């Protein structure tokens, strides 16, 4: 029984993170892409690099991700990196499958406000699940986590600020209306991330507590104080 419980305790966070990446891929493809909402973070920077300098977006994202992941490996440990690799690979697989085979078309071109609301709530909840259970969906999420620890700001607030800066810089090649609605979506997503990560922190699950040591740069918190573990993420 103990061995079975141990296996379940190991697989449960991975399963929940994969649920989060599935929901994130669904949102990015069926809401953002199909309704022409823009992108922030490293994806937004890669698109900016393509427009301004002709850089390959896939290569740009890889160049941005690698040093961030190496820094995170030094500060947050191997388990965090493994979780992040699981999240990023599963997201890529889910997104590719939807792009190739999904016949679902969520057409909200006539109501971009609703598209922004759905995008913000769903992507924020999905990203929050991955963060809460000890991983990240990409290099930009890791940057948000590290800056949150350095500045004391909530991770959702840092997420909003970073994405908003990228989107504002991208205004010179992106349509104004879609960019503004994307900024709204990003703002909602940031709030949802903070809410999801900190929800019922005073009665956090072991998996939720797992996310916190990744943010403590190797300093282990006592197991009896889960509330401090969760708060160290913000």
Protein backbone atom coordinates (compact mmCIF):
# COMPACT_ATOMS: atom_id res chain seq x y z
CA UNK A 1 0.00 0.00 0.00
CA UNK A 2 2.80 2.41 0.83
CA UNK A 3 4.44 1.79 -2.54
CA UNK A 4 1.12 2.34 -4.30
CA UNK A 5 0.51 5.54 -2.36
CA UNK A 6 4.01 6.72 -3.23
CA UNK A 7 3.40 6.12 -6.94
CA UNK A 8 0.08 7.96 -6.78
CA UNK A 9 1.67 10.87 -4.94
CA UNK A 10 4.30 11.10 -7.69
CA UNK A 11 1.89 10.78 -10.62
CA UNK A 12 -0.84 13.08 -9.28
CA UNK A 13 1.09 16.36 -9.73
CA UNK A 14 2.18 15.31 -13.23
CA UNK A 15 -1.39 14.43 -14.20
CA UNK A 16 -2.69 17.77 -12.93
CA UNK A 17 0.10 19.68 -14.71
CA UNK A 18 -0.78 17.87 -17.95
CA UNK A 19 -4.42 18.79 -17.43
CA UNK A 20 -3.24 22.39 -17.13
CA UNK A 21 -1.16 22.22 -20.32
CA UNK A 22 -4.08 20.63 -22.20
CA UNK A 23 -6.35 23.48 -21.12
CA UNK A 24 -3.66 26.03 -22.00
CA UNK A 25 -3.16 24.53 -25.47
CA UNK A 26 -6.94 24.50 -25.99
CA UNK A 27 -7.18 28.16 -25.01
CA UNK A 28 -4.24 29.35 -27.08
CA UNK A 29 -5.43 27.54 -30.21
CA UNK A 30 -9.22 27.74 -30.03
CA UNK A 31 -9.54 31.15 -28.37
CA UNK A 32 -6.38 33.18 -29.04
CA UNK A 33 -5.30 31.88 -32.43
CA UNK A 34 -8.75 31.42 -33.95
CA UNK A 35 -9.81 34.92 -32.88
CA UNK A 36 -6.52 36.67 -33.72
CA UNK A 37 -5.56 37.63 -30.19
CA UNK A 38 -1.86 38.41 -29.85
CA UNK A 39 0.79 36.77 -27.68
CA UNK A 40 2.96 38.10 -24.87
CA UNK A 41 5.98 36.56 -23.18
CA UNK A 42 8.71 34.77 -25.11
CA UNK A 43 6.31 33.91 -27.94
CA UNK A 44 5.52 37.60 -28.38
CA UNK A 45 9.23 38.44 -28.35
CA UNK A 46 9.91 35.78 -30.98
CA UNK A 47 7.20 37.20 -33.24
CA UNK A 48 8.66 40.66 -32.74
CA UNK A 49 12.09 39.31 -33.72
CA UNK A 50 10.61 37.75 -36.85
CA UNK A 51 8.93 40.98 -37.89
CA UNK A 52 11.86 43.30 -37.12
CA UNK A 53 14.84 41.10 -38.06
CA UNK A 54 13.48 38.04 -39.86
CA UNK A 55 14.49 35.64 -37.06
CA UNK A 56 12.90 32.20 -36.91
CA UNK A 57 10.41 32.29 -33.97
CA UNK A 58 11.12 28.67 -32.98
CA UNK A 59 14.85 29.35 -32.79
CA UNK A 60 14.29 32.61 -30.91
CA UNK A 61 12.14 30.93 -28.26
CA UNK A 62 14.76 28.20 -27.86
CA UNK A 63 17.55 30.78 -27.45
CA UNK A 64 15.48 32.60 -24.82
CA UNK A 65 14.46 29.43 -22.99
CA UNK A 66 17.85 27.71 -22.64
CA UNK A 67 19.66 30.24 -20.38
CA UNK A 68 16.54 30.73 -18.25
CA UNK A 69 16.19 26.97 -17.74
CA UNK A 70 19.87 26.67 -16.82
CA UNK A 71 19.51 29.42 -14.22
CA UNK A 72 16.37 27.75 -12.87
CA UNK A 73 18.26 24.45 -12.63
CA UNK A 74 20.87 26.10 -10.41
CA UNK A 75 18.35 27.96 -8.24
CA UNK A 76 15.33 25.67 -8.11
CA UNK A 77 16.70 22.16 -8.53
CA UNK A 78 16.31 19.23 -10.89
CA UNK A 79 12.75 18.31 -9.92
CA UNK A 80 11.46 21.73 -10.98
CA UNK A 81 13.23 21.41 -14.35
CA UNK A 82 11.82 17.90 -14.91
CA UNK A 83 8.32 19.17 -14.14
CA UNK A 84 8.86 22.11 -16.48
CA UNK A 85 10.04 19.81 -19.29
CA UNK A 86 6.96 17.64 -18.79
CA UNK A 87 4.76 20.74 -18.98
CA UNK A 88 6.42 22.30 -22.02
CA UNK A 89 6.57 19.05 -24.01
CA UNK A 90 2.97 18.10 -23.21
CA UNK A 91 1.80 21.61 -24.14
CA UNK A 92 3.59 21.40 -27.50
CA UNK A 93 2.10 17.96 -28.20
CA UNK A 94 -1.43 19.01 -27.23
CA UNK A 95 -1.22 22.21 -29.30
CA UNK A 96 0.13 20.36 -32.33
CA UNK A 97 -2.63 17.74 -32.12
CA UNK A 98 -5.33 20.41 -31.90
CA UNK A 99 -3.82 22.36 -34.78
CA UNK A 100 -3.72 19.23 -36.95
CA UNK A 101 -6.92 17.43 -36.05
CA UNK A 102 -9.38 19.62 -34.13
CA UNK A 103 -12.48 20.56 -36.11
CA UNK A 104 -13.79 22.81 -33.34
CA UNK A 105 -14.12 26.45 -34.39
CA UNK A 106 -14.87 28.98 -31.63
CA UNK A 107 -15.63 32.09 -33.67
CA UNK A 108 -15.72 35.16 -31.42
CA UNK A 109 -14.56 37.75 -33.96
CA UNK A 110 -17.73 39.72 -33.31
CA UNK A 111 -17.18 39.70 -29.56
CA UNK A 112 -13.48 40.09 -28.77
CA UNK A 113 -14.36 41.13 -25.22
CA UNK A 114 -15.78 37.66 -24.57
CA UNK A 115 -12.74 36.11 -26.27
CA UNK A 116 -10.42 38.11 -23.99
CA UNK A 117 -12.39 37.13 -20.88
CA UNK A 118 -12.35 33.43 -21.79
CA UNK A 119 -8.67 33.55 -22.72
CA UNK A 120 -7.72 35.26 -19.48
CA UNK A 121 -9.71 33.00 -17.17
CA UNK A 122 -8.79 29.71 -18.87
CA UNK A 123 -5.12 30.41 -19.57
CA UNK A 124 -4.60 31.89 -16.10
CA UNK A 125 -6.20 28.91 -14.40
CA UNK A 126 -4.21 26.48 -16.58
CA UNK A 127 -0.89 28.21 -15.96
CA UNK A 128 -1.68 28.48 -12.26
CA UNK A 129 -2.25 24.72 -12.05
CA UNK A 130 1.17 24.02 -13.55
CA UNK A 131 2.88 26.53 -11.24
CA UNK A 132 1.02 25.30 -8.15
CA UNK A 133 2.14 21.73 -8.74
CA UNK A 134 5.81 22.51 -9.19
CA UNK A 135 6.45 23.27 -12.87
CA UNK A 136 6.31 26.03 -15.46
CA UNK A 137 4.94 26.18 -19.00
CA UNK A 138 8.00 27.93 -20.46
CA UNK A 139 10.94 30.23 -19.91
CA UNK A 140 8.78 33.31 -19.47
CA UNK A 141 6.92 31.63 -16.59
CA UNK A 142 10.27 30.86 -14.97
CA UNK A 143 11.31 34.50 -15.35
CA UNK A 144 8.05 35.56 -13.69
CA UNK A 145 8.69 33.16 -10.78
CA UNK A 146 12.27 34.33 -10.27
CA UNK A 147 11.37 38.03 -10.47
CA UNK A 148 8.50 37.41 -8.07
CA UNK A 149 10.94 35.97 -5.55
CA UNK A 150 13.41 38.83 -6.03
CA UNK A 151 10.87 41.66 -5.88
CA UNK A 152 8.27 40.28 -3.51
CA UNK A 153 5.52 40.90 -6.09
CA UNK A 154 2.91 38.23 -6.70
CA UNK A 155 3.79 35.99 -9.62
CA UNK A 156 0.57 36.94 -11.41
CA UNK A 157 1.47 40.63 -11.18
CA UNK A 158 4.92 40.00 -12.68
CA UNK A 159 3.28 37.93 -15.42
CA UNK A 160 0.99 40.85 -16.31
CA UNK A 161 3.82 43.40 -16.35
CA UNK A 162 6.14 41.32 -18.53
CA UNK A 163 3.46 40.42 -21.07
CA UNK A 164 2.12 43.98 -21.19
CA UNK A 165 5.59 45.36 -21.97
CA UNK A 166 6.05 42.86 -24.82
CA UNK A 167 2.61 43.62 -26.23
CA UNK A 168 3.09 47.38 -26.06
CA UNK A 169 6.42 47.09 -27.89
CA UNK A 170 4.70 44.90 -30.48
CA UNK A 171 2.11 47.57 -31.26
CA UNK A 172 4.12 48.82 -34.22
CA UNK A 173 3.32 45.62 -36.16
CA UNK A 174 0.18 44.29 -34.44
CA UNK A 175 -3.37 45.69 -34.88
CA UNK A 176 -4.29 48.04 -32.02
CA UNK A 177 -7.68 46.48 -31.23
CA UNK A 178 -6.41 42.89 -30.94
CA UNK A 179 -3.42 44.05 -28.88
CA UNK A 180 -5.58 45.95 -26.40
CA UNK A 181 -7.92 42.98 -25.96
CA UNK A 182 -4.88 40.73 -25.49
CA UNK A 183 -3.60 43.05 -22.75
CA UNK A 184 -7.01 42.67 -21.08
CA UNK A 185 -6.73 38.87 -21.40
CA UNK A 186 -3.21 38.93 -19.94
CA UNK A 187 -4.37 41.06 -17.01
CA UNK A 188 -7.17 38.62 -16.22
CA UNK A 189 -4.78 35.68 -16.62
CA UNK A 190 -2.35 37.23 -14.14
CA UNK A 191 -5.08 37.57 -11.53
CA UNK A 192 -6.21 33.98 -12.17
CA UNK A 193 -2.64 32.71 -11.79
CA UNK A 194 -2.31 34.40 -8.40
CA UNK A 195 -5.71 33.09 -7.28
CA UNK A 196 -5.03 29.53 -8.46
CA UNK A 197 -1.57 29.31 -6.90
CA UNK A 198 -2.68 30.74 -3.55
CA UNK A 199 -6.19 29.22 -3.31
CA UNK A 200 -6.73 27.78 0.18
CA UNK A 201 -3.05 28.20 0.95
CA UNK A 202 -3.76 27.58 4.63
CA UNK A 203 -4.85 24.03 3.72
CA UNK A 204 -2.56 23.40 0.78
CA UNK A 205 -2.10 19.88 -0.56
CA UNK A 206 1.32 18.21 -0.56
CA UNK A 207 1.53 18.77 -4.30
CA UNK A 208 0.79 22.45 -3.94
CA UNK A 209 3.45 22.67 -1.29
CA UNK A 210 5.90 21.05 -3.69
CA UNK A 211 5.90 24.17 -5.83
CA UNK A 212 7.26 26.35 -3.06
CA UNK A 213 10.68 24.81 -2.46
CA UNK A 214 11.42 25.37 -6.14
CA UNK A 215 11.20 29.04 -5.39
CA UNK A 216 13.31 28.93 -2.26
CA UNK A 217 16.69 28.54 -4.03
CA UNK A 218 17.56 25.38 -2.20
CA UNK A 219 16.37 26.49 1.25
CA UNK A 220 13.95 23.85 2.51
CA UNK A 221 10.97 25.03 4.48
CA UNK A 222 9.75 22.89 7.39
CA UNK A 223 7.02 20.50 6.25
CA UNK A 224 4.75 21.75 9.03
CA UNK A 225 4.50 25.23 7.53
CA UNK A 226 2.84 24.82 4.11
CA UNK A 227 1.48 28.34 4.14
CA UNK A 228 4.99 29.77 3.97
CA UNK A 229 5.83 27.42 1.16
CA UNK A 230 3.02 28.70 -1.01
CA UNK A 231 3.57 32.33 -0.20
CA UNK A 232 7.18 32.13 -1.22
CA UNK A 233 5.97 31.63 -4.80
CA UNK A 234 4.44 35.11 -5.00
